[in-house]
């Protein structure tokens, strides 16, 4: 079971970039594609994270953040700790 979960929208360029980073680093993840009109899913995520944008990336129960947060971890060579 993958520990990394990423909530995305299909056409979101930041979501695409975040998935590219994870894939390039060999990190397996589970993608959850959100529908723009799924208010319940959006509200649930916003309550958990305080964010109303995607991508939203989790490692287990820990919220990592969005694409820029993932890029920062990558720049610091800290993504290895996310390997399942």
N, C-alpha and C. Protein backbone atom coordinates (compact mmCIF):
# COMPACT_ATOMS: atom_id res chain seq x y z
N UNK A 1 0.84 -1.19 0.00
CA UNK A 1 0.00 0.00 0.00
C UNK A 1 0.88 1.24 0.00
N UNK A 2 0.57 2.15 -0.88
CA UNK A 2 1.36 3.38 -0.97
C UNK A 2 1.08 4.30 0.22
N UNK A 3 2.14 4.88 0.73
CA UNK A 3 1.99 5.82 1.83
C UNK A 3 1.75 7.23 1.32
N UNK A 4 2.12 7.50 0.07
CA UNK A 4 1.96 8.84 -0.49
C UNK A 4 0.63 8.90 -1.23
N UNK A 5 -0.16 9.90 -0.87
CA UNK A 5 -1.44 10.14 -1.53
C UNK A 5 -1.43 11.57 -2.04
N UNK A 6 -1.87 11.74 -3.28
CA UNK A 6 -1.89 13.06 -3.88
C UNK A 6 -3.29 13.31 -4.46
N UNK A 7 -3.87 14.41 -4.03
CA UNK A 7 -5.19 14.82 -4.50
C UNK A 7 -4.98 15.84 -5.61
N UNK A 8 -5.58 15.57 -6.77
CA UNK A 8 -5.31 16.35 -7.97
C UNK A 8 -6.58 16.68 -8.73
N UNK A 9 -6.39 17.51 -9.75
CA UNK A 9 -7.38 17.71 -10.81
C UNK A 9 -6.65 17.43 -12.12
N UNK A 10 -7.36 16.92 -13.10
CA UNK A 10 -6.74 16.44 -14.33
C UNK A 10 -5.92 17.50 -15.05
N UNK A 11 -6.43 18.71 -15.20
CA UNK A 11 -5.75 19.71 -16.02
C UNK A 11 -4.86 20.66 -15.22
N UNK A 12 -4.69 20.42 -13.95
CA UNK A 12 -3.90 21.30 -13.09
C UNK A 12 -2.40 21.14 -13.39
N UNK A 13 -1.73 22.20 -13.84
CA UNK A 13 -0.30 22.08 -14.15
C UNK A 13 0.57 21.79 -12.92
N UNK A 14 0.17 22.28 -11.77
CA UNK A 14 0.93 22.02 -10.54
C UNK A 14 0.79 20.56 -10.12
N UNK A 15 -0.39 20.00 -10.36
CA UNK A 15 -0.61 18.58 -10.07
C UNK A 15 0.26 17.72 -10.98
N UNK A 16 0.29 18.07 -12.24
CA UNK A 16 1.11 17.34 -13.21
C UNK A 16 2.57 17.40 -12.81
N UNK A 17 3.05 18.57 -12.41
CA UNK A 17 4.44 18.73 -12.00
C UNK A 17 4.75 17.92 -10.75
N UNK A 18 3.84 17.94 -9.77
CA UNK A 18 4.07 17.18 -8.54
C UNK A 18 4.16 15.69 -8.83
N UNK A 19 3.30 15.20 -9.70
CA UNK A 19 3.34 13.77 -10.06
C UNK A 19 4.64 13.46 -10.82
N UNK A 20 5.10 14.38 -11.65
CA UNK A 20 6.37 14.17 -12.37
C UNK A 20 7.52 14.05 -11.38
N UNK A 21 7.55 14.92 -10.39
CA UNK A 21 8.63 14.88 -9.39
C UNK A 21 8.63 13.53 -8.67
N UNK A 22 7.47 13.11 -8.22
CA UNK A 22 7.38 11.84 -7.50
C UNK A 22 7.81 10.68 -8.40
N UNK A 23 7.36 10.70 -9.64
CA UNK A 23 7.71 9.63 -10.58
C UNK A 23 9.20 9.64 -10.89
N UNK A 24 9.77 10.83 -11.13
CA UNK A 24 11.20 10.94 -11.43
C UNK A 24 12.06 10.43 -10.28
N UNK A 25 11.58 10.58 -9.06
CA UNK A 25 12.34 10.13 -7.88
C UNK A 25 12.03 8.68 -7.53
N UNK A 26 11.19 8.03 -8.33
CA UNK A 26 10.88 6.62 -8.09
C UNK A 26 9.97 6.39 -6.90
N UNK A 27 9.19 7.38 -6.54
CA UNK A 27 8.30 7.27 -5.40
C UNK A 27 6.90 6.88 -5.87
N UNK A 28 6.39 5.79 -5.33
CA UNK A 28 5.05 5.33 -5.69
C UNK A 28 4.03 6.15 -4.92
N UNK A 29 2.91 6.42 -5.57
CA UNK A 29 1.86 7.21 -4.93
C UNK A 29 0.51 6.77 -5.44
N UNK A 30 -0.49 7.11 -4.67
CA UNK A 30 -1.88 6.88 -5.06
C UNK A 30 -2.48 8.24 -5.39
N UNK A 31 -3.05 8.35 -6.57
CA UNK A 31 -3.65 9.61 -7.00
C UNK A 31 -5.16 9.56 -6.78
N UNK A 32 -5.68 10.64 -6.24
CA UNK A 32 -7.11 10.81 -6.05
C UNK A 32 -7.52 12.03 -6.87
N UNK A 33 -8.19 11.79 -7.98
CA UNK A 33 -8.59 12.88 -8.87
C UNK A 33 -9.92 13.45 -8.38
N UNK A 34 -9.90 14.75 -8.11
CA UNK A 34 -11.10 15.43 -7.63
C UNK A 34 -11.87 16.04 -8.78
N UNK A 35 -13.17 16.00 -8.66
CA UNK A 35 -14.05 16.67 -9.61
C UNK A 35 -14.27 18.09 -9.09
N UNK A 36 -14.25 19.05 -9.98
CA UNK A 36 -14.42 20.45 -9.60
C UNK A 36 -15.71 20.66 -8.81
N UNK A 37 -16.74 19.90 -9.10
CA UNK A 37 -18.04 20.08 -8.48
C UNK A 37 -18.29 19.20 -7.27
N UNK A 38 -17.29 18.45 -6.81
CA UNK A 38 -17.45 17.58 -5.65
C UNK A 38 -17.21 18.38 -4.37
N UNK A 39 -18.22 19.14 -3.99
CA UNK A 39 -18.08 20.05 -2.85
C UNK A 39 -17.71 19.33 -1.56
N UNK A 40 -18.25 18.14 -1.36
CA UNK A 40 -17.97 17.39 -0.14
C UNK A 40 -16.48 17.04 -0.03
N UNK A 41 -15.89 16.57 -1.12
CA UNK A 41 -14.47 16.22 -1.11
C UNK A 41 -13.61 17.45 -0.87
N UNK A 42 -13.96 18.55 -1.53
CA UNK A 42 -13.20 19.79 -1.35
C UNK A 42 -13.28 20.30 0.09
N UNK A 43 -14.48 20.25 0.66
CA UNK A 43 -14.66 20.72 2.04
C UNK A 43 -13.88 19.84 3.02
N UNK A 44 -13.89 18.55 2.80
CA UNK A 44 -13.16 17.63 3.67
C UNK A 44 -11.67 17.93 3.64
N UNK A 45 -11.12 18.10 2.44
CA UNK A 45 -9.69 18.41 2.32
C UNK A 45 -9.36 19.75 2.96
N UNK A 46 -10.20 20.74 2.71
CA UNK A 46 -9.92 22.07 3.27
C UNK A 46 -9.96 22.04 4.80
N UNK A 47 -10.85 21.26 5.37
CA UNK A 47 -10.90 21.12 6.83
C UNK A 47 -9.63 20.47 7.36
N UNK A 48 -9.09 19.50 6.61
CA UNK A 48 -7.87 18.80 7.05
C UNK A 48 -6.63 19.66 6.90
N UNK A 49 -6.56 20.44 5.82
CA UNK A 49 -5.30 21.09 5.48
C UNK A 49 -5.31 22.61 5.52
N UNK A 50 -6.50 23.19 5.46
CA UNK A 50 -6.60 24.64 5.38
C UNK A 50 -6.37 25.16 3.97
N UNK A 51 -6.15 24.26 3.02
CA UNK A 51 -5.90 24.65 1.63
C UNK A 51 -7.14 24.36 0.79
N UNK A 52 -7.40 25.23 -0.18
CA UNK A 52 -8.51 24.99 -1.10
C UNK A 52 -8.02 24.86 -2.54
N UNK A 53 -6.76 24.46 -2.68
CA UNK A 53 -6.16 24.27 -3.99
C UNK A 53 -5.55 22.87 -4.06
N UNK A 54 -5.21 22.46 -5.26
CA UNK A 54 -4.51 21.19 -5.47
C UNK A 54 -3.22 21.48 -6.20
N UNK A 55 -2.26 20.59 -6.10
CA UNK A 55 -2.31 19.29 -5.44
C UNK A 55 -2.21 19.44 -3.92
N UNK A 56 -2.73 18.42 -3.26
CA UNK A 56 -2.54 18.28 -1.83
C UNK A 56 -1.90 16.91 -1.63
N UNK A 57 -0.75 16.91 -0.99
CA UNK A 57 0.07 15.71 -0.90
C UNK A 57 0.21 15.28 0.56
N UNK A 58 -0.04 14.01 0.79
CA UNK A 58 0.05 13.44 2.12
C UNK A 58 1.05 12.28 2.11
N UNK A 59 1.76 12.14 3.23
CA UNK A 59 2.58 10.96 3.48
C UNK A 59 1.97 10.30 4.70
N UNK A 60 1.24 9.23 4.47
CA UNK A 60 0.45 8.64 5.55
C UNK A 60 -0.59 9.66 5.99
N UNK A 61 -0.62 9.96 7.26
CA UNK A 61 -1.56 10.95 7.80
C UNK A 61 -0.96 12.36 7.79
N UNK A 62 0.34 12.45 7.51
CA UNK A 62 1.02 13.75 7.56
C UNK A 62 0.80 14.52 6.26
N UNK A 63 0.36 15.75 6.38
CA UNK A 63 0.16 16.62 5.22
C UNK A 63 1.50 17.24 4.84
N UNK A 64 1.94 17.00 3.61
CA UNK A 64 3.19 17.56 3.13
C UNK A 64 2.99 18.97 2.59
N UNK A 65 1.91 19.16 1.84
CA UNK A 65 1.63 20.47 1.25
C UNK A 65 1.28 20.32 -0.21
N UNK A 66 1.61 21.36 -0.96
CA UNK A 66 1.33 21.38 -2.38
C UNK A 66 2.58 21.18 -3.21
N UNK A 67 2.52 21.59 -4.45
CA UNK A 67 3.63 21.38 -5.38
C UNK A 67 4.89 22.12 -4.93
N UNK A 68 4.75 23.37 -4.52
CA UNK A 68 5.94 24.13 -4.11
C UNK A 68 6.60 23.51 -2.88
N UNK A 69 5.79 22.96 -1.98
CA UNK A 69 6.35 22.29 -0.80
C UNK A 69 7.12 21.04 -1.20
N UNK A 70 6.56 20.30 -2.16
CA UNK A 70 7.23 19.11 -2.67
C UNK A 70 8.53 19.48 -3.38
N UNK A 71 8.50 20.56 -4.17
CA UNK A 71 9.71 21.02 -4.85
C UNK A 71 10.78 21.42 -3.85
N UNK A 72 10.38 22.03 -2.75
CA UNK A 72 11.34 22.42 -1.72
C UNK A 72 11.98 21.19 -1.07
N UNK A 73 11.17 20.18 -0.76
CA UNK A 73 11.72 18.94 -0.22
C UNK A 73 12.69 18.30 -1.20
N UNK A 74 12.32 18.33 -2.47
CA UNK A 74 13.18 17.76 -3.51
C UNK A 74 14.50 18.51 -3.60
N UNK A 75 14.44 19.83 -3.53
CA UNK A 75 15.66 20.65 -3.61
C UNK A 75 16.59 20.37 -2.44
N UNK A 76 16.02 19.97 -1.31
CA UNK A 76 16.80 19.68 -0.12
C UNK A 76 17.19 18.20 -0.04
N UNK A 77 16.90 17.45 -1.12
CA UNK A 77 17.17 16.01 -1.16
C UNK A 77 16.52 15.27 0.01
N UNK A 78 15.30 15.66 0.35
CA UNK A 78 14.62 15.04 1.48
C UNK A 78 13.48 14.13 1.04
N UNK A 79 13.32 13.89 -0.25
CA UNK A 79 12.25 13.01 -0.70
C UNK A 79 12.56 11.54 -0.44
N UNK A 80 13.79 11.20 -0.26
CA UNK A 80 14.16 9.80 0.00
C UNK A 80 13.43 9.26 1.25
N UNK A 81 13.16 10.15 2.19
CA UNK A 81 12.48 9.71 3.40
C UNK A 81 11.04 9.32 3.16
N UNK A 82 10.49 9.63 1.97
CA UNK A 82 9.13 9.28 1.63
C UNK A 82 9.03 7.93 0.92
N UNK A 83 10.16 7.29 0.69
CA UNK A 83 10.15 6.03 -0.03
C UNK A 83 9.40 4.98 0.80
N UNK A 84 8.46 4.31 0.15
CA UNK A 84 7.63 3.30 0.84
C UNK A 84 8.44 2.04 1.13
